[in-house]
Amino acid sequence: MRAGAQDFVVKPVGIERLQVSLRNALDTSALKGELQRIKHSREGRLTFADIHHPQRSHDRVMRSAQKAAASPSRC
């Protein structure tokens, strides 16, 4: 725990205990990401990395958006 672990389980671990531990870790990670996005937004430093969703189905869309954002505006 001192080295940065969020939780620990004792073997043999019950499925419910493992689910709670994993759910808590995922929730904590999501909250940290959201706080970082809010901070970057308030500082005017929001980037595509801040809004990137880890699902593969979004990768093509994000690449297209990044390409569009880098191209010169025609307006």
PDB file of N, CA and C in Angstrom:
ATOM      1  N   MET A   1       0.833  -1.189   0.000  1.00  0.00           N
ATOM      2  CA  MET A   1       0.000   0.000   0.000  1.00  0.00           C
ATOM      3  C   MET A   1       0.881   1.258   0.000  1.00  0.00           C
ATOM      4  N   ARG A   2       2.002   1.206   0.686  1.00  0.00           N
ATOM      5  CA  ARG A   2       2.899   2.367   0.716  1.00  0.00           C
ATOM      6  C   ARG A   2       3.500   2.665  -0.651  1.00  0.00           C
ATOM      7  N   ALA A   3       3.602   1.634  -1.492  1.00  0.00           N
ATOM      8  CA  ALA A   3       4.198   1.803  -2.819  1.00  0.00           C
ATOM      9  C   ALA A   3       3.184   2.308  -3.846  1.00  0.00           C
ATOM     10  N   GLY A   4       1.923   2.506  -3.424  1.00  0.00           N
ATOM     11  CA  GLY A   4       0.954   3.076  -4.337  1.00  0.00           C
ATOM     12  C   GLY A   4      -0.228   2.197  -4.681  1.00  0.00           C
ATOM     13  N   ALA A   5      -0.304   1.017  -4.091  1.00  0.00           N
ATOM     14  CA  ALA A   5      -1.449   0.143  -4.361  1.00  0.00           C
ATOM     15  C   ALA A   5      -2.710   0.767  -3.771  1.00  0.00           C
ATOM     16  N   GLN A   6      -3.834   0.582  -4.456  1.00  0.00           N
ATOM     17  CA  GLN A   6      -5.096   1.114  -3.960  1.00  0.00           C
ATOM     18  C   GLN A   6      -5.786   0.150  -3.013  1.00  0.00           C
ATOM     19  N   ASP A   7      -5.506  -1.130  -3.162  1.00  0.00           N
ATOM     20  CA  ASP A   7      -6.176  -2.150  -2.367  1.00  0.00           C
ATOM     21  C   ASP A   7      -5.347  -3.421  -2.428  1.00  0.00           C
ATOM     22  N   PHE A   8      -5.730  -4.408  -1.669  1.00  0.00           N
ATOM     23  CA  PHE A   8      -5.093  -5.715  -1.741  1.00  0.00           C
ATOM     24  C   PHE A   8      -6.144  -6.773  -1.447  1.00  0.00           C
ATOM     25  N   VAL A   9      -5.876  -7.974  -1.903  1.00  0.00           N
ATOM     26  CA  VAL A   9      -6.773  -9.096  -1.622  1.00  0.00           C
ATOM     27  C   VAL A   9      -5.954 -10.234  -1.046  1.00  0.00           C
ATOM     28  N   VAL A  10      -6.605 -11.028  -0.231  1.00  0.00           N
ATOM     29  CA  VAL A  10      -5.962 -12.178   0.394  1.00  0.00           C
ATOM     30  C   VAL A  10      -6.475 -13.428  -0.298  1.00  0.00           C
ATOM     31  N   LYS A  11      -5.562 -14.300  -0.705  1.00  0.00           N
ATOM     32  CA  LYS A  11      -5.946 -15.545  -1.360  1.00  0.00           C
ATOM     33  C   LYS A  11      -6.438 -16.546  -0.339  1.00  0.00           C
ATOM     34  N   PRO A  12      -7.392 -17.342  -0.656  1.00  0.00           N
ATOM     35  CA  PRO A  12      -8.212 -17.305  -1.862  1.00  0.00           C
ATOM     36  C   PRO A  12      -9.211 -16.152  -1.762  1.00  0.00           C
ATOM     37  N   VAL A  13      -9.352 -15.422  -2.856  1.00  0.00           N
ATOM     38  CA  VAL A  13     -10.224 -14.256  -2.866  1.00  0.00           C
ATOM     39  C   VAL A  13     -11.610 -14.643  -3.363  1.00  0.00           C
ATOM     40  N   GLY A  14     -12.625 -14.110  -2.718  1.00  0.00           N
ATOM     41  CA  GLY A  14     -13.996 -14.343  -3.158  1.00  0.00           C
ATOM     42  C   GLY A  14     -14.311 -13.442  -4.344  1.00  0.00           C
ATOM     43  N   ILE A  15     -15.186 -13.892  -5.219  1.00  0.00           N
ATOM     44  CA  ILE A  15     -15.518 -13.146  -6.428  1.00  0.00           C
ATOM     45  C   ILE A  15     -16.119 -11.777  -6.092  1.00  0.00           C
ATOM     46  N   GLU A  16     -16.970 -11.709  -5.056  1.00  0.00           N
ATOM     47  CA  GLU A  16     -17.572 -10.428  -4.687  1.00  0.00           C
ATOM     48  C   GLU A  16     -16.526  -9.441  -4.199  1.00  0.00           C
ATOM     49  N   ARG A  17     -15.577  -9.922  -3.426  1.00  0.00           N
ATOM     50  CA  ARG A  17     -14.506  -9.056  -2.908  1.00  0.00           C
ATOM     51  C   ARG A  17     -13.657  -8.540  -4.053  1.00  0.00           C
ATOM     52  N   LEU A  18     -13.353  -9.404  -5.004  1.00  0.00           N
ATOM     53  CA  LEU A  18     -12.557  -9.007  -6.153  1.00  0.00           C
ATOM     54  C   LEU A  18     -13.311  -7.995  -7.011  1.00  0.00           C
ATOM     55  N   GLN A  19     -14.603  -8.207  -7.201  1.00  0.00           N
ATOM     56  CA  GLN A  19     -15.410  -7.265  -7.978  1.00  0.00           C
ATOM     57  C   GLN A  19     -15.433  -5.887  -7.330  1.00  0.00           C
ATOM     58  N   VAL A  20     -15.596  -5.840  -6.034  1.00  0.00           N
ATOM     59  CA  VAL A  20     -15.618  -4.554  -5.314  1.00  0.00           C
ATOM     60  C   VAL A  20     -14.274  -3.855  -5.457  1.00  0.00           C
ATOM     61  N   SER A  21     -13.196  -4.598  -5.304  1.00  0.00           N
ATOM     62  CA  SER A  21     -11.863  -4.021  -5.412  1.00  0.00           C
ATOM     63  C   SER A  21     -11.616  -3.464  -6.807  1.00  0.00           C
ATOM     64  N   LEU A  22     -11.975  -4.220  -7.830  1.00  0.00           N
ATOM     65  CA  LEU A  22     -11.787  -3.760  -9.205  1.00  0.00           C
ATOM     66  C   LEU A  22     -12.679  -2.571  -9.525  1.00  0.00           C
ATOM     67  N   ARG A  23     -13.934  -2.608  -9.077  1.00  0.00           N
ATOM     68  CA  ARG A  23     -14.854  -1.499  -9.320  1.00  0.00           C
ATOM     69  C   ARG A  23     -14.326  -0.217  -8.679  1.00  0.00           C
ATOM     70  N   ASN A  24     -13.827  -0.328  -7.456  1.00  0.00           N
ATOM     71  CA  ASN A  24     -13.275   0.847  -6.762  1.00  0.00           C
ATOM     72  C   ASN A  24     -12.060   1.403  -7.501  1.00  0.00           C
ATOM     73  N   ALA A  25     -11.201   0.521  -8.003  1.00  0.00           N
ATOM     74  CA  ALA A  25     -10.019   0.973  -8.733  1.00  0.00           C
ATOM     75  C   ALA A  25     -10.421   1.676 -10.025  1.00  0.00           C
ATOM     76  N   LEU A  26     -11.391   1.131 -10.741  1.00  0.00           N
ATOM     77  CA  LEU A  26     -11.857   1.757 -11.981  1.00  0.00           C
ATOM     78  C   LEU A  26     -12.516   3.099 -11.709  1.00  0.00           C
ATOM     79  N   ASP A  27     -13.317   3.166 -10.649  1.00  0.00           N
ATOM     80  CA  ASP A  27     -13.968   4.434 -10.291  1.00  0.00           C
ATOM     81  C   ASP A  27     -12.938   5.496  -9.937  1.00  0.00           C
ATOM     82  N   THR A  28     -11.925   5.113  -9.171  1.00  0.00           N
ATOM     83  CA  THR A  28     -10.874   6.040  -8.783  1.00  0.00           C
ATOM     84  C   THR A  28     -10.128   6.551 -10.011  1.00  0.00           C
ATOM     85  N   SER A  29      -9.821   5.650 -10.929  1.00  0.00           N
ATOM     86  CA  SER A  29      -9.130   6.031 -12.153  1.00  0.00           C
ATOM     87  C   SER A  29      -9.977   6.989 -12.989  1.00  0.00           C
ATOM     88  N   ALA A  30     -11.272   6.706 -13.103  1.00  0.00           N
ATOM     89  CA  ALA A  30     -12.166   7.576 -13.872  1.00  0.00           C
ATOM     90  C   ALA A  30     -12.250   8.963 -13.243  1.00  0.00           C
ATOM     91  N   LEU A  31     -12.310   9.013 -11.923  1.00  0.00           N
ATOM     92  CA  LEU A  31     -12.374  10.308 -11.235  1.00  0.00           C
ATOM     93  C   LEU A  31     -11.093  11.105 -11.423  1.00  0.00           C
ATOM     94  N   LYS A  32      -9.952  10.438 -11.376  1.00  0.00           N
ATOM     95  CA  LYS A  32      -8.681  11.134 -11.603  1.00  0.00           C
ATOM     96  C   LYS A  32      -8.635  11.702 -13.013  1.00  0.00           C
ATOM     97  N   GLY A  33      -9.100  10.933 -13.982  1.00  0.00           N
ATOM     98  CA  GLY A  33      -9.133  11.414 -15.357  1.00  0.00           C
ATOM     99  C   GLY A  33     -10.058  12.601 -15.519  1.00  0.00           C
ATOM    100  N   GLU A  34     -11.215  12.542 -14.885  1.00  0.00           N
ATOM    101  CA  GLU A  34     -12.173  13.648 -14.966  1.00  0.00           C
ATOM    102  C   GLU A  34     -11.607  14.908 -14.318  1.00  0.00           C
ATOM    103  N   LEU A  35     -10.952  14.768 -13.181  1.00  0.00           N
ATOM    104  CA  LEU A  35     -10.330  15.926 -12.531  1.00  0.00           C
ATOM    105  C   LEU A  35      -9.245  16.541 -13.408  1.00  0.00           C
ATOM    106  N   GLN A  36      -8.476  15.692 -14.084  1.00  0.00           N
ATOM    107  CA  GLN A  36      -7.440  16.196 -14.972  1.00  0.00           C
ATOM    108  C   GLN A  36      -8.061  16.950 -16.143  1.00  0.00           C
ATOM    109  N   ARG A  37      -9.146  16.411 -16.727  1.00  0.00           N
ATOM    110  CA  ARG A  37      -9.815  17.091 -17.837  1.00  0.00           C
ATOM    111  C   ARG A  37     -10.369  18.448 -17.396  1.00  0.00           C
ATOM    112  N   ILE A  38     -10.963  18.493 -16.219  1.00  0.00           N
ATOM    113  CA  ILE A  38     -11.502  19.756 -15.701  1.00  0.00           C
ATOM    114  C   ILE A  38     -10.376  20.766 -15.495  1.00  0.00           C
ATOM    115  N   LYS A  39      -9.283  20.328 -14.895  1.00  0.00           N
ATOM    116  CA  LYS A  39      -8.145  21.203 -14.656  1.00  0.00           C
ATOM    117  C   LYS A  39      -7.587  21.735 -15.970  1.00  0.00           C
ATOM    118  N   HIS A  40      -7.389  20.854 -16.948  1.00  0.00           N
ATOM    119  CA  HIS A  40      -6.863  21.283 -18.245  1.00  0.00           C
ATOM    120  C   HIS A  40      -7.826  22.238 -18.942  1.00  0.00           C
ATOM    121  N   SER A  41      -9.115  21.977 -18.821  1.00  0.00           N
ATOM    122  CA  SER A  41     -10.119  22.835 -19.438  1.00  0.00           C
ATOM    123  C   SER A  41     -10.081  24.233 -18.824  1.00  0.00           C
ATOM    124  N   ARG A  42     -10.009  24.297 -17.518  1.00  0.00           N
ATOM    125  CA  ARG A  42      -9.975  25.598 -16.830  1.00  0.00           C
ATOM    126  C   ARG A  42      -8.708  26.372 -17.150  1.00  0.00           C
ATOM    127  N   GLU A  43      -7.602  25.643 -17.407  1.00  0.00           N
ATOM    128  CA  GLU A  43      -6.325  26.290 -17.720  1.00  0.00           C
ATOM    129  C   GLU A  43      -6.176  26.569 -19.215  1.00  0.00           C
ATOM    130  N   GLY A  44      -7.171  26.155 -20.011  1.00  0.00           N
ATOM    131  CA  GLY A  44      -7.093  26.341 -21.455  1.00  0.00           C
ATOM    132  C   GLY A  44      -6.122  25.400 -22.132  1.00  0.00           C
ATOM    133  N   ARG A  45      -5.852  24.255 -21.513  1.00  0.00           N
ATOM    134  CA  ARG A  45      -4.890  23.287 -22.045  1.00  0.00           C
ATOM    135  C   ARG A  45      -5.549  21.967 -22.443  1.00  0.00           C
ATOM    136  N   LEU A  46      -6.841  21.961 -22.705  1.00  0.00           N
ATOM    137  CA  LEU A  46      -7.548  20.737 -23.057  1.00  0.00           C
ATOM    138  C   LEU A  46      -7.061  20.238 -24.410  1.00  0.00           C
ATOM    139  N   THR A  47      -6.714  18.956 -24.484  1.00  0.00           N
ATOM    140  CA  THR A  47      -6.213  18.359 -25.724  1.00  0.00           C
ATOM    141  C   THR A  47      -7.062  17.153 -26.091  1.00  0.00           C
ATOM    142  N   PHE A  48      -6.790  16.582 -27.257  1.00  0.00           N
ATOM    143  CA  PHE A  48      -7.504  15.376 -27.661  1.00  0.00           C
ATOM    144  C   PHE A  48      -7.237  14.223 -26.694  1.00  0.00           C
ATOM    145  N   ALA A  49      -6.056  14.195 -26.108  1.00  0.00           N
ATOM    146  CA  ALA A  49      -5.742  13.136 -25.140  1.00  0.00           C
ATOM    147  C   ALA A  49      -6.681  13.202 -23.935  1.00  0.00           C
ATOM    148  N   ASP A  50      -7.164  14.390 -23.612  1.00  0.00           N
ATOM    149  CA  ASP A  50      -8.063  14.551 -22.472  1.00  0.00           C
ATOM    150  C   ASP A  50      -9.459  14.006 -22.754  1.00  0.00           C
ATOM    151  N   ILE A  51      -9.823  13.921 -24.021  1.00  0.00           N
ATOM    152  CA  ILE A  51     -11.171  13.437 -24.335  1.00  0.00           C
ATOM    153  C   ILE A  51     -11.158  12.083 -25.025  1.00  0.00           C
ATOM    154  N   HIS A  52      -9.984  11.511 -25.233  1.00  0.00           N
ATOM    155  CA  HIS A  52      -9.875  10.238 -25.924  1.00  0.00           C
ATOM    156  C   HIS A  52     -10.501   9.129 -25.096  1.00  0.00           C
ATOM    157  N   HIS A  53     -11.346   8.364 -25.728  1.00  0.00           N
ATOM    158  CA  HIS A  53     -11.986   7.223 -25.087  1.00  0.00           C
ATOM    159  C   HIS A  53     -11.207   5.975 -25.470  1.00  0.00           C
ATOM    160  N   PRO A  54     -10.921   5.099 -24.522  1.00  0.00           N
ATOM    161  CA  PRO A  54     -10.059   3.959 -24.816  1.00  0.00           C
ATOM    162  C   PRO A  54     -10.645   2.892 -25.744  1.00  0.00           C
ATOM    163  N   GLN A  55     -11.914   2.969 -26.087  1.00  0.00           N
ATOM    164  CA  GLN A  55     -12.490   1.953 -26.961  1.00  0.00           C
ATOM    165  C   GLN A  55     -11.918   2.069 -28.361  1.00  0.00           C
ATOM    166  N   ARG A  56     -11.632   0.939 -28.983  1.00  0.00           N
ATOM    167  CA  ARG A  56     -11.073   0.908 -30.327  1.00  0.00           C
ATOM    168  C   ARG A  56     -12.009   1.537 -31.347  1.00  0.00           C
ATOM    169  N   SER A  57     -13.301   1.432 -31.146  1.00  0.00           N
ATOM    170  CA  SER A  57     -14.250   1.957 -32.119  1.00  0.00           C
ATOM    171  C   SER A  57     -14.137   3.468 -32.268  1.00  0.00           C
ATOM    172  N   HIS A  58     -13.554   4.127 -31.289  1.00  0.00           N
ATOM    173  CA  HIS A  58     -13.418   5.576 -31.338  1.00  0.00           C
ATOM    174  C   HIS A  58     -12.084   6.025 -31.937  1.00  0.00           C
ATOM    175  N   ASP A  59     -11.148   5.104 -32.092  1.00  0.00           N
ATOM    176  CA  ASP A  59      -9.813   5.481 -32.554  1.00  0.00           C
ATOM    177  C   ASP A  59      -9.838   6.151 -33.920  1.00  0.00           C
ATOM    178  N   ARG A  60     -10.581   5.600 -34.873  1.00  0.00           N
ATOM    179  CA  ARG A  60     -10.632   6.170 -36.217  1.00  0.00           C
ATOM    180  C   ARG A  60     -11.225   7.578 -36.183  1.00  0.00           C
ATOM    181  N   VAL A  61     -12.269   7.752 -35.400  1.00  0.00           N
ATOM    182  CA  VAL A  61     -12.901   9.060 -35.276  1.00  0.00           C
ATOM    183  C   VAL A  61     -11.932  10.056 -34.670  1.00  0.00           C
ATOM    184  N   MET A  62     -11.221   9.647 -33.633  1.00  0.00           N
ATOM    185  CA  MET A  62     -10.278  10.551 -32.980  1.00  0.00           C
ATOM    186  C   MET A  62      -9.125  10.920 -33.918  1.00  0.00           C
ATOM    187  N   ARG A  63      -8.618   9.965 -34.712  1.00  0.00           N
ATOM    188  CA  ARG A  63      -7.552  10.276 -35.671  1.00  0.00           C
ATOM    189  C   ARG A  63      -8.033  11.294 -36.692  1.00  0.00           C
ATOM    190  N   SER A  64      -9.269  11.108 -37.166  1.00  0.00           N
ATOM    191  CA  SER A  64      -9.834  12.059 -38.134  1.00  0.00           C
ATOM    192  C   SER A  64      -9.990  13.437 -37.512  1.00  0.00           C
ATOM    193  N   ALA A  65     -10.438  13.485 -36.277  1.00  0.00           N
ATOM    194  CA  ALA A  65     -10.618  14.766 -35.593  1.00  0.00           C
ATOM    195  C   ALA A  65      -9.274  15.454 -35.376  1.00  0.00           C
ATOM    196  N   GLN A  66      -8.260  14.702 -34.993  1.00  0.00           N
ATOM    197  CA  GLN A  66      -6.933  15.280 -34.796  1.00  0.00           C
ATOM    198  C   GLN A  66      -6.377  15.814 -36.120  1.00  0.00           C
ATOM    199  N   LYS A  67      -6.580  15.065 -37.191  1.00  0.00           N
ATOM    200  CA  LYS A  67      -6.121  15.485 -38.512  1.00  0.00           C
ATOM    201  C   LYS A  67      -6.827  16.780 -38.928  1.00  0.00           C
ATOM    202  N   ALA A  68      -8.135  16.831 -38.700  1.00  0.00           N
ATOM    203  CA  ALA A  68      -8.913  18.024 -39.038  1.00  0.00           C
ATOM    204  C   ALA A  68      -8.471  19.223 -38.203  1.00  0.00           C
ATOM    205  N   ALA A  69      -8.198  18.999 -36.936  1.00  0.00           N
ATOM    206  CA  ALA A  69      -7.795  20.101 -36.057  1.00  0.00           C
ATOM    207  C   ALA A  69      -6.424  20.650 -36.456  1.00  0.00           C
ATOM    208  N   ALA A  70      -5.562  19.805 -37.003  1.00  0.00           N
ATOM    209  CA  ALA A  70      -4.228  20.244 -37.388  1.00  0.00           C
ATOM    210  C   ALA A  70      -4.200  20.930 -38.751  1.00  0.00           C
ATOM    211  N   SER A  71      -5.221  20.733 -39.564  1.00  0.00           N
ATOM    212  CA  SER A  71      -5.228  21.327 -40.892  1.00  0.00           C
ATOM    213  C   SER A  71      -5.632  22.799 -40.812  1.00  0.00           C
ATOM    214  N   PRO A  72      -5.176  23.602 -41.788  1.00  0.00           N
ATOM    215  CA  PRO A  72      -5.514  25.031 -41.766  1.00  0.00           C
ATOM    216  C   PRO A  72      -7.015  25.244 -41.991  1.00  0.00           C
ATOM    217  N   SER A  73      -7.543  26.247 -41.328  1.00  0.00           N
ATOM    218  CA  SER A  73      -8.961  26.568 -41.450  1.00  0.00           C
ATOM    219  C   SER A  73      -9.225  27.224 -42.794  1.00  0.00           C
ATOM    220  N   ARG A  74     -10.373  26.945 -43.369  1.00  0.00           N
ATOM    221  CA  ARG A  74     -10.741  27.550 -44.639  1.00  0.00           C
ATOM    222  C   ARG A  74     -11.764  28.660 -44.456  1.00  0.00           C
ATOM    223  N   CYS A  75     -12.009  29.060 -43.236  1.00  0.00           N
ATOM    224  CA  CYS A  75     -13.006  30.104 -42.965  1.00  0.00           C
ATOM    225  C   CYS A  75     -12.398  31.478 -43.076  1.00  0.00           C
TER     226      CYS A  75
END
